[in-house]
Amino acid sequence: MRRSLLAVVLLITLAACARPDDETRIRQHLDAMSAALADGHRRAFMAPLAEDFAAETWDLDRAGVQLLLVREFRQHQRIRARVFDIDVELFEDDRATASFQAVLTGGSGLLPEQGSWYRVSTGWRRSDTDWELIQARWERVAGR
């Protein structure tokens, strides 16, 4: 009895330490990026973006995204992103896509002054042991 209890505790501990699967890791990156926007942490938002990142929508590279963030953080005291309907699809061992809906709001007080709803498609590449964002495309569904 004592050995089986010890074995169960050991298995639970090992499972807790296991690396998350690929889909979970990509979802964690998206959650972290949303949290970084809300906290105003530009570097944390940029962390998953690959050096060769390209956004088709406005023909932005990694530096362009960084400039866009600077502008938005200056314009809005608070930025929030609500990401939902995430669909991650894995290809081979080193490629994935993640499509989702996002509602972005910004303002200077407790209530948002602006808001927009977007449909977003992203491309991901495995880099060593983690995933990096290599491509994004978005279209506005509603809002200004």
N, C-alpha and C. Protein backbone atom coordinates (compact mmCIF):
# COMPACT_ATOMS: atom_id res chain seq x y z
N MET A 1 0.83 -1.19 0.00
CA MET A 1 0.00 0.00 0.00
C MET A 1 0.87 1.25 0.00
N ARG A 2 1.89 1.24 0.84
CA ARG A 2 2.76 2.40 0.94
C ARG A 2 3.52 2.63 -0.38
N ARG A 3 3.97 1.55 -1.02
CA ARG A 3 4.69 1.66 -2.29
C ARG A 3 3.78 2.18 -3.40
N SER A 4 2.55 1.72 -3.45
CA SER A 4 1.64 2.20 -4.50
C SER A 4 1.30 3.67 -4.29
N LEU A 5 1.18 4.11 -3.06
CA LEU A 5 0.94 5.53 -2.79
C LEU A 5 2.14 6.34 -3.23
N LEU A 6 3.34 5.87 -2.93
CA LEU A 6 4.56 6.54 -3.34
C LEU A 6 4.65 6.60 -4.87
N ALA A 7 4.29 5.51 -5.54
CA ALA A 7 4.32 5.46 -7.00
C ALA A 7 3.34 6.46 -7.60
N VAL A 8 2.15 6.57 -7.02
CA VAL A 8 1.15 7.53 -7.51
C VAL A 8 1.65 8.96 -7.34
N VAL A 9 2.22 9.26 -6.18
CA VAL A 9 2.76 10.60 -5.92
C VAL A 9 3.88 10.91 -6.92
N LEU A 10 4.75 9.94 -7.17
CA LEU A 10 5.84 10.13 -8.12
C LEU A 10 5.30 10.38 -9.52
N LEU A 11 4.30 9.63 -9.96
CA LEU A 11 3.70 9.83 -11.29
C LEU A 11 3.05 11.20 -11.42
N ILE A 12 2.34 11.62 -10.40
CA ILE A 12 1.71 12.94 -10.41
C ILE A 12 2.78 14.03 -10.50
N THR A 13 3.85 13.88 -9.75
CA THR A 13 4.94 14.86 -9.78
C THR A 13 5.58 14.91 -11.16
N LEU A 14 5.84 13.77 -11.75
CA LEU A 14 6.43 13.74 -13.09
C LEU A 14 5.49 14.34 -14.13
N ALA A 15 4.21 14.07 -14.02
CA ALA A 15 3.23 14.63 -14.96
C ALA A 15 3.18 16.14 -14.83
N ALA A 16 3.28 16.65 -13.63
CA ALA A 16 3.25 18.10 -13.41
C ALA A 16 4.47 18.78 -14.01
N CYS A 17 5.59 18.07 -14.06
CA CYS A 17 6.83 18.63 -14.60
C CYS A 17 6.95 18.46 -16.11
N ALA A 18 6.09 17.66 -16.70
CA ALA A 18 6.19 17.38 -18.13
C ALA A 18 5.99 18.66 -18.94
N ARG A 19 6.68 18.72 -20.07
CA ARG A 19 6.55 19.84 -20.97
C ARG A 19 5.16 19.82 -21.61
N PRO A 20 4.51 20.97 -21.71
CA PRO A 20 3.18 20.98 -22.33
C PRO A 20 3.27 20.56 -23.80
N ASP A 21 2.18 20.01 -24.31
CA ASP A 21 2.18 19.60 -25.71
C ASP A 21 2.21 20.84 -26.60
N ASP A 22 2.43 20.62 -27.90
CA ASP A 22 2.63 21.72 -28.83
C ASP A 22 1.44 22.67 -28.90
N GLU A 23 0.23 22.11 -28.99
CA GLU A 23 -0.96 22.96 -29.07
C GLU A 23 -1.10 23.81 -27.80
N THR A 24 -0.89 23.20 -26.67
CA THR A 24 -0.97 23.93 -25.40
C THR A 24 0.06 25.04 -25.34
N ARG A 25 1.27 24.76 -25.81
CA ARG A 25 2.34 25.77 -25.77
C ARG A 25 1.99 26.97 -26.64
N ILE A 26 1.43 26.75 -27.82
CA ILE A 26 1.03 27.87 -28.70
C ILE A 26 -0.08 28.67 -28.03
N ARG A 27 -1.05 27.99 -27.44
CA ARG A 27 -2.12 28.69 -26.72
C ARG A 27 -1.56 29.50 -25.56
N GLN A 28 -0.56 28.97 -24.88
CA GLN A 28 0.07 29.70 -23.77
C GLN A 28 0.75 30.98 -24.29
N HIS A 29 1.37 30.89 -25.46
CA HIS A 29 1.98 32.08 -26.06
C HIS A 29 0.91 33.14 -26.34
N LEU A 30 -0.22 32.73 -26.91
CA LEU A 30 -1.29 33.68 -27.20
C LEU A 30 -1.83 34.31 -25.92
N ASP A 31 -2.01 33.51 -24.88
CA ASP A 31 -2.47 34.04 -23.59
C ASP A 31 -1.46 35.03 -23.02
N ALA A 32 -0.18 34.69 -23.10
CA ALA A 32 0.87 35.56 -22.57
C ALA A 32 0.93 36.88 -23.35
N MET A 33 0.71 36.81 -24.65
CA MET A 33 0.71 38.03 -25.45
C MET A 33 -0.47 38.93 -25.08
N SER A 34 -1.64 38.34 -24.84
CA SER A 34 -2.81 39.12 -24.40
C SER A 34 -2.54 39.77 -23.04
N ALA A 35 -1.95 39.01 -22.14
CA ALA A 35 -1.63 39.55 -20.80
C ALA A 35 -0.59 40.66 -20.91
N ALA A 36 0.37 40.51 -21.80
CA ALA A 36 1.40 41.54 -21.97
C ALA A 36 0.79 42.84 -22.47
N LEU A 37 -0.18 42.75 -23.37
CA LEU A 37 -0.87 43.97 -23.82
C LEU A 37 -1.55 44.66 -22.65
N ALA A 38 -2.28 43.89 -21.86
CA ALA A 38 -3.01 44.45 -20.72
C ALA A 38 -2.07 45.08 -19.69
N ASP A 39 -0.88 44.51 -19.55
CA ASP A 39 0.09 45.01 -18.57
C ASP A 39 1.01 46.09 -19.15
N GLY A 40 0.90 46.34 -20.44
CA GLY A 40 1.74 47.35 -21.08
C GLY A 40 3.19 46.91 -21.24
N HIS A 41 3.42 45.61 -21.34
CA HIS A 41 4.78 45.08 -21.48
C HIS A 41 5.08 44.73 -22.94
N ARG A 42 5.65 45.68 -23.63
CA ARG A 42 5.94 45.51 -25.06
C ARG A 42 6.90 44.35 -25.30
N ARG A 43 7.96 44.24 -24.50
CA ARG A 43 8.95 43.17 -24.70
C ARG A 43 8.32 41.79 -24.53
N ALA A 44 7.46 41.65 -23.53
CA ALA A 44 6.80 40.35 -23.31
C ALA A 44 5.89 40.01 -24.48
N PHE A 45 5.21 41.02 -25.03
CA PHE A 45 4.36 40.78 -26.20
C PHE A 45 5.21 40.32 -27.39
N MET A 46 6.37 40.94 -27.56
CA MET A 46 7.23 40.65 -28.72
C MET A 46 8.00 39.35 -28.59
N ALA A 47 8.12 38.80 -27.39
CA ALA A 47 8.97 37.64 -27.15
C ALA A 47 8.73 36.46 -28.11
N PRO A 48 7.48 36.07 -28.41
CA PRO A 48 7.29 34.92 -29.30
C PRO A 48 7.52 35.22 -30.78
N LEU A 49 7.64 36.50 -31.17
CA LEU A 49 7.81 36.84 -32.58
C LEU A 49 9.22 36.49 -33.06
N ALA A 50 9.27 35.75 -34.17
CA ALA A 50 10.55 35.38 -34.77
C ALA A 50 11.23 36.60 -35.37
N GLU A 51 12.54 36.52 -35.52
CA GLU A 51 13.29 37.62 -36.14
C GLU A 51 12.80 37.88 -37.57
N ASP A 52 12.34 36.84 -38.27
CA ASP A 52 11.87 36.99 -39.65
C ASP A 52 10.34 37.09 -39.72
N PHE A 53 9.70 37.51 -38.63
CA PHE A 53 8.24 37.65 -38.59
C PHE A 53 7.76 38.58 -39.71
N ALA A 54 6.59 38.26 -40.26
CA ALA A 54 5.97 39.09 -41.29
C ALA A 54 4.46 39.11 -41.09
N ALA A 55 3.89 40.31 -41.06
CA ALA A 55 2.44 40.47 -40.98
C ALA A 55 1.96 40.90 -42.36
N GLU A 56 1.16 40.06 -42.97
CA GLU A 56 0.67 40.33 -44.32
C GLU A 56 -0.27 41.54 -44.36
N THR A 57 -1.04 41.73 -43.32
CA THR A 57 -2.10 42.74 -43.34
C THR A 57 -1.57 44.13 -43.65
N TRP A 58 -0.59 44.59 -42.95
CA TRP A 58 -0.04 45.93 -43.19
C TRP A 58 1.40 45.87 -43.64
N ASP A 59 1.84 44.71 -44.10
CA ASP A 59 3.21 44.51 -44.55
C ASP A 59 4.19 44.95 -43.46
N LEU A 60 3.98 44.42 -42.27
CA LEU A 60 4.82 44.76 -41.13
C LEU A 60 5.83 43.66 -40.86
N ASP A 61 7.05 44.05 -40.53
CA ASP A 61 8.02 43.09 -40.03
C ASP A 61 8.04 43.23 -38.50
N ARG A 62 8.98 42.56 -37.86
CA ARG A 62 9.06 42.58 -36.40
C ARG A 62 9.23 44.02 -35.87
N ALA A 63 10.10 44.80 -36.50
CA ALA A 63 10.32 46.18 -36.08
C ALA A 63 9.06 47.02 -36.27
N GLY A 64 8.32 46.76 -37.34
CA GLY A 64 7.07 47.48 -37.58
C GLY A 64 6.02 47.20 -36.52
N VAL A 65 5.95 45.95 -36.07
CA VAL A 65 5.02 45.60 -34.99
C VAL A 65 5.41 46.33 -33.71
N GLN A 66 6.70 46.41 -33.46
CA GLN A 66 7.17 47.10 -32.26
C GLN A 66 6.80 48.58 -32.30
N LEU A 67 6.96 49.23 -33.44
CA LEU A 67 6.57 50.64 -33.58
C LEU A 67 5.06 50.82 -33.43
N LEU A 68 4.29 49.89 -33.97
CA LEU A 68 2.84 49.93 -33.82
C LEU A 68 2.45 49.84 -32.34
N LEU A 69 3.10 48.96 -31.61
CA LEU A 69 2.82 48.83 -30.17
C LEU A 69 3.16 50.11 -29.42
N VAL A 70 4.28 50.71 -29.74
CA VAL A 70 4.67 51.97 -29.08
C VAL A 70 3.58 53.01 -29.30
N ARG A 71 3.13 53.12 -30.54
CA ARG A 71 2.08 54.10 -30.85
C ARG A 71 0.80 53.82 -30.07
N GLU A 72 0.38 52.55 -30.05
CA GLU A 72 -0.86 52.20 -29.35
C GLU A 72 -0.75 52.40 -27.85
N PHE A 73 0.40 52.07 -27.27
CA PHE A 73 0.58 52.27 -25.83
C PHE A 73 0.59 53.75 -25.48
N ARG A 74 1.07 54.60 -26.38
CA ARG A 74 1.05 56.05 -26.14
C ARG A 74 -0.36 56.61 -26.29
N GLN A 75 -1.11 56.06 -27.22
CA GLN A 75 -2.45 56.55 -27.50
C GLN A 75 -3.46 56.09 -26.45
N HIS A 76 -3.29 54.88 -25.92
CA HIS A 76 -4.24 54.31 -24.97
C HIS A 76 -3.55 53.95 -23.67
N GLN A 77 -4.09 54.43 -22.59
CA GLN A 77 -3.54 54.10 -21.28
C GLN A 77 -3.75 52.62 -20.96
N ARG A 78 -4.88 52.10 -21.40
CA ARG A 78 -5.20 50.69 -21.16
C ARG A 78 -5.56 50.03 -22.48
N ILE A 79 -4.95 48.88 -22.73
CA ILE A 79 -5.27 48.07 -23.91
C ILE A 79 -5.63 46.68 -23.40
N ARG A 80 -6.70 46.15 -23.91
CA ARG A 80 -7.12 44.80 -23.54
C ARG A 80 -7.37 44.00 -24.81
N ALA A 81 -7.02 42.73 -24.75
CA ALA A 81 -7.29 41.81 -25.86
C ALA A 81 -7.98 40.58 -25.30
N ARG A 82 -9.11 40.27 -25.85
CA ARG A 82 -9.85 39.05 -25.48
C ARG A 82 -9.78 38.13 -26.67
N VAL A 83 -9.06 37.02 -26.54
CA VAL A 83 -8.86 36.06 -27.62
C VAL A 83 -9.76 34.85 -27.37
N PHE A 84 -10.49 34.42 -28.40
CA PHE A 84 -11.41 33.29 -28.24
C PHE A 84 -11.52 32.51 -29.54
N ASP A 85 -12.18 31.37 -29.48
CA ASP A 85 -12.33 30.46 -30.63
C ASP A 85 -10.99 30.11 -31.25
N ILE A 86 -10.03 29.76 -30.43
CA ILE A 86 -8.69 29.42 -30.92
C ILE A 86 -8.70 28.02 -31.53
N ASP A 87 -8.19 27.92 -32.74
CA ASP A 87 -8.09 26.64 -33.44
C ASP A 87 -6.63 26.45 -33.86
N VAL A 88 -5.93 25.52 -33.21
CA VAL A 88 -4.53 25.25 -33.52
C VAL A 88 -4.46 23.99 -34.37
N GLU A 89 -3.72 24.08 -35.47
CA GLU A 89 -3.53 22.94 -36.36
C GLU A 89 -2.03 22.71 -36.53
N LEU A 90 -1.58 21.50 -36.24
CA LEU A 90 -0.16 21.16 -36.33
C LEU A 90 0.14 20.50 -37.66
N PHE A 91 1.28 20.86 -38.26
CA PHE A 91 1.74 20.30 -39.53
C PHE A 91 3.15 19.76 -39.33
N GLU A 92 3.37 18.53 -39.71
CA GLU A 92 4.67 17.89 -39.55
C GLU A 92 5.15 18.09 -38.12
N ASP A 93 6.45 18.21 -37.92
CA ASP A 93 6.98 18.36 -36.57
C ASP A 93 7.29 19.81 -36.21
N ASP A 94 7.35 20.68 -37.20
CA ASP A 94 7.87 22.01 -36.91
C ASP A 94 7.03 23.17 -37.42
N ARG A 95 5.79 22.93 -37.82
CA ARG A 95 4.93 24.01 -38.31
C ARG A 95 3.53 23.88 -37.71
N ALA A 96 2.89 25.03 -37.52
CA ALA A 96 1.53 25.05 -36.99
C ALA A 96 0.85 26.34 -37.41
N THR A 97 -0.47 26.33 -37.38
CA THR A 97 -1.25 27.55 -37.55
C THR A 97 -2.17 27.68 -36.34
N ALA A 98 -2.50 28.91 -36.02
CA ALA A 98 -3.49 29.19 -34.97
C ALA A 98 -4.39 30.29 -35.50
N SER A 99 -5.67 29.98 -35.59
CA SER A 99 -6.67 30.95 -36.03
C SER A 99 -7.57 31.24 -34.85
N PHE A 100 -8.00 32.50 -34.73
CA PHE A 100 -8.83 32.88 -33.59
C PHE A 100 -9.54 34.19 -33.86
N GLN A 101 -10.44 34.54 -32.97
CA GLN A 101 -11.13 35.82 -32.97
C GLN A 101 -10.50 36.64 -31.84
N ALA A 102 -10.43 37.95 -32.01
CA ALA A 102 -9.88 38.81 -30.96
C ALA A 102 -10.70 40.09 -30.89
N VAL A 103 -11.02 40.49 -29.68
CA VAL A 103 -11.65 41.78 -29.43
C VAL A 103 -10.62 42.64 -28.72
N LEU A 104 -10.26 43.76 -29.35
CA LEU A 104 -9.29 44.68 -28.78
C LEU A 104 -10.00 45.94 -28.33
N THR A 105 -9.70 46.38 -27.13
CA THR A 105 -10.27 47.62 -26.62
C THR A 105 -9.15 48.50 -26.08
N GLY A 106 -9.38 49.80 -26.12
CA GLY A 106 -8.39 50.74 -25.61
C GLY A 106 -9.08 51.96 -25.06
N GLY A 107 -8.44 52.57 -24.08
CA GLY A 107 -8.97 53.78 -23.48
C GLY A 107 -8.06 54.29 -22.40
N SER A 108 -8.53 55.34 -21.74
CA SER A 108 -7.72 55.93 -20.69
C SER A 108 -8.36 55.76 -19.31
N GLY A 109 -9.61 55.35 -19.27
CA GLY A 109 -10.29 55.16 -18.00
C GLY A 109 -10.65 53.71 -17.78
N LEU A 110 -11.60 53.49 -16.88
CA LEU A 110 -12.03 52.12 -16.62
C LEU A 110 -12.79 51.52 -17.79
N LEU A 111 -13.54 52.35 -18.50
CA LEU A 111 -14.31 51.87 -19.64
C LEU A 111 -13.55 52.13 -20.94
N PRO A 112 -13.57 51.18 -21.87
CA PRO A 112 -12.87 51.39 -23.13
C PRO A 112 -13.54 52.47 -23.96
N GLU A 113 -12.71 53.25 -24.63
CA GLU A 113 -13.21 54.30 -25.52
C GLU A 113 -13.31 53.81 -26.95
N GLN A 114 -12.52 52.79 -27.28
CA GLN A 114 -12.52 52.23 -28.63
C GLN A 114 -12.49 50.71 -28.53
N GLY A 115 -13.03 50.09 -29.55
CA GLY A 115 -13.00 48.64 -29.58
C GLY A 115 -13.18 48.12 -30.99
N SER A 116 -12.53 47.01 -31.29
CA SER A 116 -12.65 46.38 -32.60
C SER A 116 -12.58 44.86 -32.43
N TRP A 117 -13.26 44.18 -33.33
CA TRP A 117 -13.29 42.73 -33.35
C TRP A 117 -12.55 42.28 -34.61
N TYR A 118 -11.62 41.34 -34.47
CA TYR A 118 -10.79 40.88 -35.58
C TYR A 118 -10.86 39.37 -35.74
N ARG A 119 -10.66 38.93 -36.97
CA ARG A 119 -10.44 37.52 -37.30
C ARG A 119 -8.95 37.41 -37.64
N VAL A 120 -8.24 36.53 -36.93
CA VAL A 120 -6.77 36.47 -37.03
C VAL A 120 -6.31 35.08 -37.43
N SER A 121 -5.32 35.02 -38.33
CA SER A 121 -4.66 33.76 -38.70
C SER A 121 -3.16 33.95 -38.46
N THR A 122 -2.55 32.97 -37.81
CA THR A 122 -1.12 33.07 -37.51
C THR A 122 -0.41 31.79 -37.94
N GLY A 123 0.88 31.94 -38.23
CA GLY A 123 1.73 30.80 -38.56
C GLY A 123 2.84 30.70 -37.53
N TRP A 124 3.16 29.47 -37.14
CA TRP A 124 4.15 29.21 -36.10
C TRP A 124 5.18 28.22 -36.59
N ARG A 125 6.40 28.34 -36.06
CA ARG A 125 7.50 27.44 -36.40
C ARG A 125 8.18 27.01 -35.10
N ARG A 126 8.48 25.71 -35.03
CA ARG A 126 9.21 25.23 -33.87
C ARG A 126 10.66 25.68 -33.99
N SER A 127 11.18 26.23 -32.92
CA SER A 127 12.56 26.67 -32.86
C SER A 127 13.20 26.00 -31.66
N ASP A 128 14.06 25.04 -31.90
CA ASP A 128 14.66 24.24 -30.82
C ASP A 128 13.55 23.58 -30.00
N THR A 129 13.28 24.07 -28.80
CA THR A 129 12.29 23.41 -27.93
C THR A 129 11.00 24.21 -27.77
N ASP A 130 10.86 25.34 -28.44
CA ASP A 130 9.67 26.17 -28.28
C ASP A 130 9.12 26.57 -29.65
N TRP A 131 8.03 27.30 -29.64
CA TRP A 131 7.38 27.76 -30.86
C TRP A 131 7.57 29.27 -30.99
N GLU A 132 7.75 29.74 -32.24
CA GLU A 132 7.84 31.17 -32.48
C GLU A 132 6.86 31.57 -33.58
N LEU A 133 6.33 32.76 -33.43
CA LEU A 133 5.34 33.30 -34.36
C LEU A 133 6.08 33.85 -35.57
N ILE A 134 5.75 33.34 -36.75
CA ILE A 134 6.46 33.76 -37.96
C ILE A 134 5.59 34.56 -38.93
N GLN A 135 4.27 34.47 -38.78
CA GLN A 135 3.38 35.12 -39.75
C GLN A 135 2.06 35.43 -39.09
N ALA A 136 1.45 36.55 -39.49
CA ALA A 136 0.11 36.89 -39.01
C ALA A 136 -0.65 37.66 -40.09
N ARG A 137 -1.94 37.45 -40.07
CA ARG A 137 -2.86 38.16 -40.98
C ARG A 137 -4.14 38.39 -40.19
N TRP A 138 -4.72 39.57 -40.29
CA TRP A 138 -5.94 39.85 -39.57
C TRP A 138 -6.86 40.71 -40.41
N GLU A 139 -8.14 40.59 -40.12
CA GLU A 139 -9.13 41.44 -40.78
C GLU A 139 -10.14 41.89 -39.74
N ARG A 140 -10.53 43.14 -39.84
CA ARG A 140 -11.51 43.69 -38.91
C ARG A 140 -12.90 43.18 -39.26
N VAL A 141 -13.59 42.68 -38.26
CA VAL A 141 -14.95 42.20 -38.43
C VAL A 141 -15.95 43.28 -38.06
N ALA A 142 -15.65 44.00 -36.98
CA ALA A 142 -16.53 45.08 -36.51
C ALA A 142 -15.73 46.06 -35.68
N GLY A 143 -16.26 47.27 -35.56
CA GLY A 143 -15.61 48.30 -34.75
C GLY A 143 -14.85 49.29 -35.60
N ARG A 144 -14.15 50.16 -34.92
CA ARG A 144 -13.38 51.16 -35.65
C ARG A 144 -11.92 51.11 -35.33
